[in-house]
Every structure is written in structure tokens, then in C-alpha cells.
C-alpha atoms as a PDB file:
ATOM      1  CA  MET A   1     -11.340 -46.529 -16.761  1.00  0.00           C
ATOM      2  CA  LEU A   2     -12.838 -49.238 -18.949  1.00  0.00           C
ATOM      3  CA  VAL A   3     -13.722 -52.784 -17.953  1.00  0.00           C
ATOM      4  CA  ASP A   4     -15.168 -54.670 -20.915  1.00  0.00           C
ATOM      5  CA  ARG A   5     -17.031 -57.875 -20.133  1.00  0.00           C
ATOM      6  CA  GLY A   6     -18.595 -58.321 -23.554  1.00  0.00           C
ATOM      7  CA  ALA A   7     -22.289 -58.023 -22.756  1.00  0.00           C
ATOM      8  CA  PHE A   8     -21.492 -55.276 -20.226  1.00  0.00           C
ATOM      9  CA  ALA A   9     -18.884 -52.523 -20.246  1.00  0.00           C
ATOM     10  CA  LEU A  10     -18.025 -50.152 -17.426  1.00  0.00           C
ATOM     11  CA  ASP A  11     -16.630 -46.909 -18.845  1.00  0.00           C
ATOM     12  CA  VAL A  12     -16.393 -44.238 -16.147  1.00  0.00           C
ATOM     13  CA  SER A  13     -14.171 -41.471 -14.846  1.00  0.00           C
ATOM     14  CA  LEU A  14     -14.161 -41.156 -11.046  1.00  0.00           C
ATOM     15  CA  THR A  15     -12.388 -38.558  -8.925  1.00  0.00           C
ATOM     16  CA  VAL A  16     -12.301 -38.547  -5.131  1.00  0.00           C
ATOM     17  CA  ALA A  17     -10.838 -35.360  -3.665  1.00  0.00           C
ATOM     18  CA  PRO A  18      -8.415 -35.690  -0.727  1.00  0.00           C
ATOM     19  CA  GLY A  19     -10.288 -36.126   2.536  1.00  0.00           C
ATOM     20  CA  HIS A  20     -13.657 -36.450   0.820  1.00  0.00           C
ATOM     21  CA  VAL A  21     -16.268 -39.193   0.675  1.00  0.00           C
ATOM     22  CA  VAL A  22     -17.883 -39.866  -2.700  1.00  0.00           C
ATOM     23  CA  ALA A  23     -21.031 -41.982  -2.909  1.00  0.00           C
ATOM     24  CA  LEU A  24     -21.326 -44.120  -6.025  1.00  0.00           C
ATOM     25  CA  MET A  25     -25.000 -44.799  -6.660  1.00  0.00           C
ATOM     26  CA  GLY A  26     -26.843 -46.876  -9.225  1.00  0.00           C
ATOM     27  CA  ARG A  27     -29.397 -49.620  -9.508  1.00  0.00           C
ATOM     28  CA  ASN A  28     -28.418 -53.298  -9.388  1.00  0.00           C
ATOM     29  CA  GLY A  29     -26.173 -54.178 -12.320  1.00  0.00           C
ATOM     30  CA  ALA A  30     -25.162 -50.567 -13.005  1.00  0.00           C
ATOM     31  CA  GLY A  31     -21.478 -51.341 -12.456  1.00  0.00           C
ATOM     32  CA  LYS A  32     -20.898 -50.034  -8.932  1.00  0.00           C
ATOM     33  CA  SER A  33     -19.158 -53.087  -7.535  1.00  0.00           C
ATOM     34  CA  THR A  34     -17.186 -53.548 -10.755  1.00  0.00           C
ATOM     35  CA  ALA A  35     -15.870 -50.002 -10.375  1.00  0.00           C
ATOM     36  CA  VAL A  36     -14.770 -50.681  -6.801  1.00  0.00           C
ATOM     37  CA  ALA A  37     -13.118 -53.960  -7.795  1.00  0.00           C
ATOM     38  CA  ALA A  38     -11.242 -52.195 -10.610  1.00  0.00           C
ATOM     39  CA  VAL A  39      -9.921 -49.477  -8.296  1.00  0.00           C
ATOM     40  CA  ALA A  40      -8.833 -52.119  -5.789  1.00  0.00           C
ATOM     41  CA  GLY A  41      -7.070 -54.093  -8.515  1.00  0.00           C
ATOM     42  CA  LEU A  42      -9.332 -57.110  -8.168  1.00  0.00           C
ATOM     43  CA  VAL A  43     -10.543 -56.657 -11.744  1.00  0.00           C
ATOM     44  CA  GLY A  44      -8.117 -55.683 -14.492  1.00  0.00           C
ATOM     45  CA  LEU A  45      -8.721 -52.682 -16.737  1.00  0.00           C
ATOM     46  CA  ASP A  46      -9.147 -52.957 -20.487  1.00  0.00           C
ATOM     47  CA  ALA A  47      -8.332 -49.264 -20.921  1.00  0.00           C
ATOM     48  CA  GLY A  48      -7.534 -46.255 -18.749  1.00  0.00           C
ATOM     49  CA  ARG A  49      -5.689 -45.985 -15.467  1.00  0.00           C
ATOM     50  CA  VAL A  50      -5.989 -45.724 -11.693  1.00  0.00           C
ATOM     51  CA  VAL A  51      -4.031 -42.966  -9.931  1.00  0.00           C
ATOM     52  CA  LEU A  52      -3.931 -42.428  -6.172  1.00  0.00           C
ATOM     53  CA  ASP A  53      -2.154 -39.459  -4.581  1.00  0.00           C
ATOM     54  CA  GLY A  54      -0.192 -38.956  -7.791  1.00  0.00           C
ATOM     55  CA  VAL A  55       0.992 -42.568  -7.927  1.00  0.00           C
ATOM     56  CA  VAL A  56      -0.087 -44.645 -10.917  1.00  0.00           C
ATOM     57  CA  LEU A  57      -1.467 -47.937  -9.642  1.00  0.00           C
ATOM     58  CA  GLU A  58      -2.596 -49.201 -13.017  1.00  0.00           C
ATOM     59  CA  ASP A  59      -2.144 -47.955 -16.567  1.00  0.00           C
ATOM     60  CA  VAL A  60      -3.123 -50.124 -19.511  1.00  0.00           C
ATOM     61  CA  ALA A  61      -1.085 -48.019 -21.944  1.00  0.00           C
ATOM     62  CA  THR A  62       2.170 -48.698 -20.071  1.00  0.00           C
ATOM     63  CA  ARG A  63       1.158 -52.171 -18.843  1.00  0.00           C
ATOM     64  CA  ARG A  64       1.670 -51.118 -15.241  1.00  0.00           C
ATOM     65  CA  ALA A  65      -0.507 -52.876 -12.663  1.00  0.00           C
ATOM     66  CA  VAL A  66       0.262 -52.781  -8.945  1.00  0.00           C
ATOM     67  CA  PRO A  67      -1.078 -55.958  -7.258  1.00  0.00           C
ATOM     68  CA  PRO A  68      -4.095 -55.470  -4.958  1.00  0.00           C
ATOM     69  CA  GLU A  69      -2.120 -56.283  -1.807  1.00  0.00           C
ATOM     70  CA  ARG A  70       0.407 -53.538  -2.574  1.00  0.00           C
ATOM     71  CA  ARG A  71      -2.147 -50.798  -3.206  1.00  0.00           C
ATOM     72  CA  PRO A  72      -2.683 -48.372  -0.283  1.00  0.00           C
ATOM     73  CA  ILE A  73      -6.387 -49.135  -0.440  1.00  0.00           C
ATOM     74  CA  GLY A  74      -8.700 -50.654   2.153  1.00  0.00           C
ATOM     75  CA  VAL A  75     -11.913 -52.471   1.286  1.00  0.00           C
ATOM     76  CA  VAL A  76     -14.979 -52.942   3.484  1.00  0.00           C
ATOM     77  CA  GLN A  77     -17.557 -55.258   1.945  1.00  0.00           C
ATOM     78  CA  GLN A  78     -21.245 -55.835   2.618  1.00  0.00           C
ATOM     79  CA  GLN A  79     -20.371 -58.838   4.761  1.00  0.00           C
ATOM     80  CA  ALA A  80     -17.862 -57.832   7.432  1.00  0.00           C
ATOM     81  CA  ALA A  81     -15.643 -60.892   6.748  1.00  0.00           C
ATOM     82  CA  LEU A  82     -14.036 -60.866  10.176  1.00  0.00           C
ATOM     83  CA  PHE A  83     -11.873 -63.839  11.091  1.00  0.00           C
ATOM     84  CA  PRO A  84     -14.268 -66.100  13.041  1.00  0.00           C
ATOM     85  CA  HIS A  85     -11.518 -67.759  15.118  1.00  0.00           C
ATOM     86  CA  LEU A  86     -10.161 -64.442  16.415  1.00  0.00           C
ATOM     87  CA  GLY A  87     -11.638 -62.031  18.925  1.00  0.00           C
ATOM     88  CA  VAL A  88     -12.395 -58.440  17.953  1.00  0.00           C
ATOM     89  CA  LEU A  89      -9.095 -57.156  19.352  1.00  0.00           C
ATOM     90  CA  ASP A  90      -7.024 -59.652  17.393  1.00  0.00           C
ATOM     91  CA  ASN A  91      -9.075 -59.073  14.239  1.00  0.00           C
ATOM     92  CA  VAL A  92      -8.040 -55.424  14.313  1.00  0.00           C
ATOM     93  CA  ALA A  93      -4.491 -56.253  15.398  1.00  0.00           C
ATOM     94  CA  PHE A  94      -4.078 -58.645  12.468  1.00  0.00           C
ATOM     95  CA  GLY A  95      -4.091 -55.814   9.947  1.00  0.00           C
ATOM     96  CA  LEU A  96      -1.557 -53.904  12.004  1.00  0.00           C
ATOM     97  CA  ARG A  97       0.724 -56.928  12.216  1.00  0.00           C
ATOM     98  CA  THR A  98       0.699 -57.310   8.431  1.00  0.00           C
ATOM     99  CA  SER A  99       1.926 -53.708   8.323  1.00  0.00           C
ATOM    100  CA  GLY A 100       4.982 -54.651  10.371  1.00  0.00           C
ATOM    101  CA  LEU A 101       4.018 -54.067  14.011  1.00  0.00           C
ATOM    102  CA  GLY A 102       4.946 -56.676  16.592  1.00  0.00           C
ATOM    103  CA  ARG A 103       2.191 -58.636  18.294  1.00  0.00           C
ATOM    104  CA  ARG A 104       2.189 -56.689  21.562  1.00  0.00           C
ATOM    105  CA  ARG A 105       2.336 -53.266  19.919  1.00  0.00           C
ATOM    106  CA  ALA A 106      -0.336 -54.259  17.401  1.00  0.00           C
ATOM    107  CA  ARG A 107      -2.702 -55.360  20.166  1.00  0.00           C
ATOM    108  CA  GLU A 108      -2.068 -52.159  22.144  1.00  0.00           C
ATOM    109  CA  ARG A 109      -2.776 -50.041  19.073  1.00  0.00           C
ATOM    110  CA  ALA A 110      -5.850 -52.096  18.195  1.00  0.00           C
ATOM    111  CA  ASP A 111      -7.191 -51.621  21.728  1.00  0.00           C
ATOM    112  CA  ALA A 112      -6.702 -47.867  21.468  1.00  0.00           C
ATOM    113  CA  LEU A 113      -8.444 -47.713  18.067  1.00  0.00           C
ATOM    114  CA  LEU A 114     -11.430 -49.713  19.292  1.00  0.00           C
ATOM    115  CA  THR A 115     -11.738 -47.445  22.314  1.00  0.00           C
ATOM    116  CA  GLU A 116     -11.568 -44.329  20.142  1.00  0.00           C
ATOM    117  CA  ALA A 117     -14.368 -45.738  17.971  1.00  0.00           C
ATOM    118  CA  GLY A 118     -16.520 -46.460  21.022  1.00  0.00           C
ATOM    119  CA  LEU A 119     -16.115 -50.213  20.587  1.00  0.00           C
ATOM    120  CA  GLY A 120     -13.766 -50.990  23.462  1.00  0.00           C
ATOM    121  CA  GLU A 121     -16.342 -53.134  25.255  1.00  0.00           C
ATOM    122  CA  LEU A 122     -16.346 -55.538  22.307  1.00  0.00           C
ATOM    123  CA  ARG A 123     -12.604 -56.272  22.377  1.00  0.00           C
ATOM    124  CA  ASP A 124     -12.931 -59.792  23.783  1.00  0.00           C
ATOM    125  CA  ARG A 125     -15.940 -60.932  21.754  1.00  0.00           C
ATOM    126  CA  ARG A 126     -15.830 -63.283  18.796  1.00  0.00           C
ATOM    127  CA  PRO A 127     -17.471 -62.199  15.509  1.00  0.00           C
ATOM    128  CA  SER A 128     -20.320 -64.667  16.136  1.00  0.00           C
ATOM    129  CA  GLU A 129     -21.213 -62.655  19.244  1.00  0.00           C
ATOM    130  CA  LEU A 130     -21.546 -59.349  17.370  1.00  0.00           C
ATOM    131  CA  SER A 131     -24.609 -57.781  15.788  1.00  0.00           C
ATOM    132  CA  GLY A 132     -24.432 -56.928  12.110  1.00  0.00           C
ATOM    133  CA  GLY A 133     -23.873 -53.275  12.907  1.00  0.00           C
ATOM    134  CA  GLN A 134     -21.125 -54.011  15.404  1.00  0.00           C
ATOM    135  CA  ALA A 135     -19.380 -56.292  12.928  1.00  0.00           C
ATOM    136  CA  ALA A 136     -19.556 -53.594  10.241  1.00  0.00           C
ATOM    137  CA  ARG A 137     -17.978 -51.021  12.544  1.00  0.00           C
ATOM    138  CA  VAL A 138     -15.234 -53.411  13.662  1.00  0.00           C
ATOM    139  CA  ALA A 139     -14.479 -54.235  10.020  1.00  0.00           C
ATOM    140  CA  LEU A 140     -14.110 -50.527   9.293  1.00  0.00           C
ATOM    141  CA  VAL A 141     -11.777 -50.046  12.290  1.00  0.00           C
ATOM    142  CA  ARG A 142      -9.671 -52.976  11.071  1.00  0.00           C
ATOM    143  CA  THR A 143      -9.470 -51.493   7.573  1.00  0.00           C
ATOM    144  CA  LEU A 144      -8.667 -47.949   8.694  1.00  0.00           C
ATOM    145  CA  ALA A 145      -6.084 -49.201  11.203  1.00  0.00           C
ATOM    146  CA  ARG A 146      -3.621 -49.836   8.398  1.00  0.00           C
ATOM    147  CA  GLY A 147      -3.796 -46.185   7.322  1.00  0.00           C
ATOM    148  CA  PRO A 148      -4.881 -46.589   3.688  1.00  0.00           C
ATOM    149  CA  ALA A 149      -4.955 -43.543   1.437  1.00  0.00           C
ATOM    150  CA  LEU A 150      -8.355 -44.647   0.133  1.00  0.00           C
ATOM    151  CA  VAL A 151     -11.048 -46.850   1.628  1.00  0.00           C
ATOM    152  CA  LEU A 152     -13.695 -48.519  -0.541  1.00  0.00           C
ATOM    153  CA  LEU A 153     -16.992 -49.279   1.172  1.00  0.00           C
ATOM    154  CA  ASP A 154     -19.134 -51.644  -0.894  1.00  0.00           C
ATOM    155  CA  GLU A 155     -22.684 -51.289   0.496  1.00  0.00           C
ATOM    156  CA  PRO A 156     -21.594 -51.750   4.140  1.00  0.00           C
ATOM    157  CA  LEU A 157     -25.125 -51.104   5.450  1.00  0.00           C
ATOM    158  CA  ALA A 158     -27.097 -53.220   2.991  1.00  0.00           C
ATOM    159  CA  ALA A 159     -27.301 -56.245   5.302  1.00  0.00           C
ATOM    160  CA  ILE A 160     -28.225 -54.181   8.383  1.00  0.00           C
ATOM    161  CA  ASP A 161     -31.821 -54.017   9.627  1.00  0.00           C
ATOM    162  CA  ALA A 162     -33.476 -50.756   8.565  1.00  0.00           C
ATOM    163  CA  GLU A 163     -34.221 -49.595  12.108  1.00  0.00           C
ATOM    164  CA  LEU A 164     -30.528 -49.892  13.039  1.00  0.00           C
ATOM    165  CA  ARG A 165     -29.106 -48.048  10.039  1.00  0.00           C
ATOM    166  CA  PRO A 166     -29.539 -44.418  11.241  1.00  0.00           C
ATOM    167  CA  ALA A 167     -27.373 -44.946  14.331  1.00  0.00           C
ATOM    168  CA  LEU A 168     -24.857 -46.966  12.340  1.00  0.00           C
ATOM    169  CA  ARG A 169     -24.597 -44.233   9.682  1.00  0.00           C
ATOM    170  CA  GLU A 170     -23.751 -41.709  12.386  1.00  0.00           C
ATOM    171  CA  ALA A 171     -21.149 -44.039  13.870  1.00  0.00           C
ATOM    172  CA  ILE A 172     -19.549 -44.658  10.473  1.00  0.00           C
ATOM    173  CA  ARG A 173     -19.589 -40.930   9.722  1.00  0.00           C
ATOM    174  CA  ALA A 174     -17.643 -40.303  12.939  1.00  0.00           C
ATOM    175  CA  GLN A 175     -15.100 -42.955  11.937  1.00  0.00           C
ATOM    176  CA  LEU A 176     -14.689 -41.497   8.448  1.00  0.00           C
ATOM    177  CA  THR A 177     -14.451 -37.942   9.789  1.00  0.00           C
ATOM    178  CA  ALA A 178     -11.482 -39.004  11.908  1.00  0.00           C
ATOM    179  CA  PHE A 179      -9.922 -40.747   8.900  1.00  0.00           C
ATOM    180  CA  ALA A 180      -7.220 -38.754   7.105  1.00  0.00           C
ATOM    181  CA  GLY A 181      -7.737 -40.409   3.716  1.00  0.00           C
ATOM    182  CA  SER A 182     -10.540 -40.471   1.167  1.00  0.00           C
ATOM    183  CA  ALA A 183     -13.447 -42.858   0.714  1.00  0.00           C
ATOM    184  CA  LEU A 184     -15.579 -44.228  -2.109  1.00  0.00           C
ATOM    185  CA  LEU A 185     -18.928 -45.480  -0.830  1.00  0.00           C
ATOM    186  CA  VAL A 186     -21.069 -47.783  -2.957  1.00  0.00           C
ATOM    187  CA  THR A 187     -24.746 -47.529  -2.057  1.00  0.00           C
ATOM    188  CA  HIS A 188     -28.246 -47.571  -3.498  1.00  0.00           C
ATOM    189  CA  ASP A 189     -29.665 -45.673  -0.513  1.00  0.00           C
ATOM    190  CA  ALA A 190     -29.816 -41.884  -0.744  1.00  0.00           C
ATOM    191  CA  ARG A 191     -29.848 -41.674   3.053  1.00  0.00           C
ATOM    192  CA  ASP A 192     -26.360 -43.172   3.138  1.00  0.00           C
ATOM    193  CA  ALA A 193     -25.184 -40.522   0.688  1.00  0.00           C
ATOM    194  CA  GLU A 194     -26.922 -37.755   2.619  1.00  0.00           C
ATOM    195  CA  VAL A 195     -25.212 -38.618   5.903  1.00  0.00           C
ATOM    196  CA  LEU A 196     -21.830 -39.853   4.707  1.00  0.00           C
ATOM    197  CA  ALA A 197     -20.902 -38.305   1.360  1.00  0.00           C
ATOM    198  CA  ASP A 198     -19.592 -34.957   0.156  1.00  0.00           C
ATOM    199  CA  GLU A 199     -20.457 -35.758  -3.457  1.00  0.00           C
ATOM    200  CA  VAL A 200     -22.601 -38.259  -5.354  1.00  0.00           C
ATOM    201  CA  VAL A 201     -21.843 -39.978  -8.657  1.00  0.00           C
ATOM    202  CA  VAL A 202     -24.775 -41.752 -10.311  1.00  0.00           C
ATOM    203  CA  ILE A 203     -23.977 -44.447 -12.856  1.00  0.00           C
ATOM    204  CA  ASP A 204     -26.295 -46.473 -15.032  1.00  0.00           C
ATOM    205  CA  ALA A 205     -25.451 -49.206 -17.528  1.00  0.00           C
ATOM    206  CA  GLY A 206     -21.764 -48.635 -16.869  1.00  0.00           C
ATOM    207  CA  ARG A 207     -21.776 -44.885 -17.575  1.00  0.00           C
ATOM    208  CA  VAL A 208     -21.813 -41.766 -15.397  1.00  0.00           C
ATOM    209  CA  VAL A 209     -25.208 -40.097 -15.586  1.00  0.00           C
ATOM    210  CA  GLN A 210     -24.637 -37.219 -13.160  1.00  0.00           C
ATOM    211  CA  ARG A 211     -22.277 -36.122 -10.393  1.00  0.00           C
ATOM    212  CA  GLY A 212     -22.264 -33.383  -7.793  1.00  0.00           C
ATOM    213  CA  PRO A 213     -23.518 -32.576  -4.278  1.00  0.00           C
ATOM    214  CA  LEU A 214     -26.658 -34.465  -3.325  1.00  0.00           C
ATOM    215  CA  ALA A 215     -28.681 -31.265  -3.040  1.00  0.00           C
ATOM    216  CA  ALA A 216     -27.761 -30.283  -6.605  1.00  0.00           C
ATOM    217  CA  LEU A 217     -28.792 -33.679  -7.975  1.00  0.00           C
ATOM    218  CA  ARG A 218     -32.101 -33.457  -6.175  1.00  0.00           C
ATOM    219  CA  ALA A 219     -32.719 -29.939  -7.456  1.00  0.00           C
ATOM    220  CA  THR A 220     -31.863 -30.655 -11.102  1.00  0.00           C
ATOM    221  CA  PRO A 221     -31.770 -34.409 -11.841  1.00  0.00           C
ATOM    222  CA  ALA A 222     -30.211 -35.105 -15.234  1.00  0.00           C
ATOM    223  CA  ALA A 223     -32.237 -38.252 -15.905  1.00  0.00           C
ATOM    224  CA  PRO A 224     -35.197 -40.209 -14.508  1.00  0.00           C
ATOM    225  CA  ILE A 225     -32.839 -42.765 -12.953  1.00  0.00           C
ATOM    226  CA  VAL A 226     -31.363 -40.007 -10.748  1.00  0.00           C
ATOM    227  CA  THR A 227     -34.820 -39.058  -9.515  1.00  0.00           C
ATOM    228  CA  SER A 228     -35.699 -42.693  -8.871  1.00  0.00           C
ATOM    229  CA  LEU A 229     -32.501 -43.441  -6.958  1.00  0.00           C
ATOM    230  CA  LEU A 230     -32.756 -40.375  -4.760  1.00  0.00           C
ATOM    231  CA  ALA A 231     -36.394 -41.147  -4.040  1.00  0.00           C
ATOM    232  CA  GLY A 232     -35.548 -44.742  -3.182  1.00  0.00           C
ATOM    233  CA  THR A 233     -37.734 -46.193  -5.944  1.00  0.00           C
ATOM    234  CA  ALA A 234     -35.076 -47.470  -8.399  1.00  0.00           C
END
């Protein structure tokens, strides 16, 4: 897919296998968030296409472009963006209600999902009463509740204090393991990729530099930027 912004062009080919998590890594300005926005339909393509489970969501050649709200894709951003006026339970239930469930059934299902994720004790709290890590996990539950085929996680741990990230990574891994779909994780932290991802794609200046299992990239980095990113010095 190609997104041409004049001074910067993203020109990449990304594949996420069914049930897998792919980590998209790169330094600031490499094009990671642009790639996620293009897959989600928030940024239009200038060339190429987006295909999910055999369904064409966007194809420049045929002028097909499914609106973002109709794509079976969930997005979790760096800031959890929970509704501040709703409690945790109703935040999760909101997504279910937009999928067609009635209020009572949506709240029952939301309660069950929070309990399964180990977050049941937070059901009555407002977002302002949550820690950053708790908010991130609730946001992921809310996104996964709708059953998307693909979830996009745009640096969900970047705003979390370093000492809290290891436990949060494990919690998110458990949530993604129970998820039937696929995930594309944007991160600049190799530890995120190590814990959460099956494969890593490194991009720089809008181009793919190297892709493969993290261990393979560490063993034979294709460029200095790969070494720097995996060492946490980029």
C-alpha cells in the first residue's frame, strides 16, 4: 500500500497471518502510525489495497473503499480514550450495543468479559479512577468485545510507567491469546515484540527494512536501524 504525503511516502506490504500478532517497529517518523491509519481506513491510499480475510476493504485500482466504521477492525490507541462519563462496565457494553445487543444483554456480556480478563473488580469505576495500565486493558477488552477480525494496537504501552510494563505486557498477551483474530502491534520497544508478537516488521523512512521472527532479526540484522531498534537505542 502507498500513502504519498509529498515530503513523505509510506510504501509497504504487510501481511498478518490468521491468529498471529505482528509487531511493526521503527523509529519516530518511520511511518508506523500512518500504516495503522491506512489499514483502519482513517487515511486513504494513493495506490495498493487492503484485504482482510479475503474481503477487499480498499482498492485504489477499482476505487473501492469501505468506510472505517464498516471495517471489521478494532483500534487501541496510546491513550485509552474511554468515555469519561461512563463506568468501566458501560464503556465495554457500549461497543456491544453498537453491534446490536440490547442494553441488558450488553451489560451482562461486558461483565463476563471483564471478569474473564481479570478486571471484574473495576466494573463500577470511572476512567478517572483507573491507572494507566488498567485503562489500557479495559480499552482492549472494549475493542475485542465487538469481535473484530483484526485489532490494531498503536503503542498501547508507551504512556505506561516502565516499572508497570512487564506485568501489563503479560496481561495483554493473555487477552490476545484468547482472541480469535489477528493483531498488528505498533511499538518501538523490542520487549513488547518479544512478549507479544509472532513476527516483527521493521520499517524506516516508509519502507520495510526487514521482517521475520524476532530471534532471526537479532541474529542477522539487515541494517543498522534493526540493530538499534532491537537494542533500544534508536
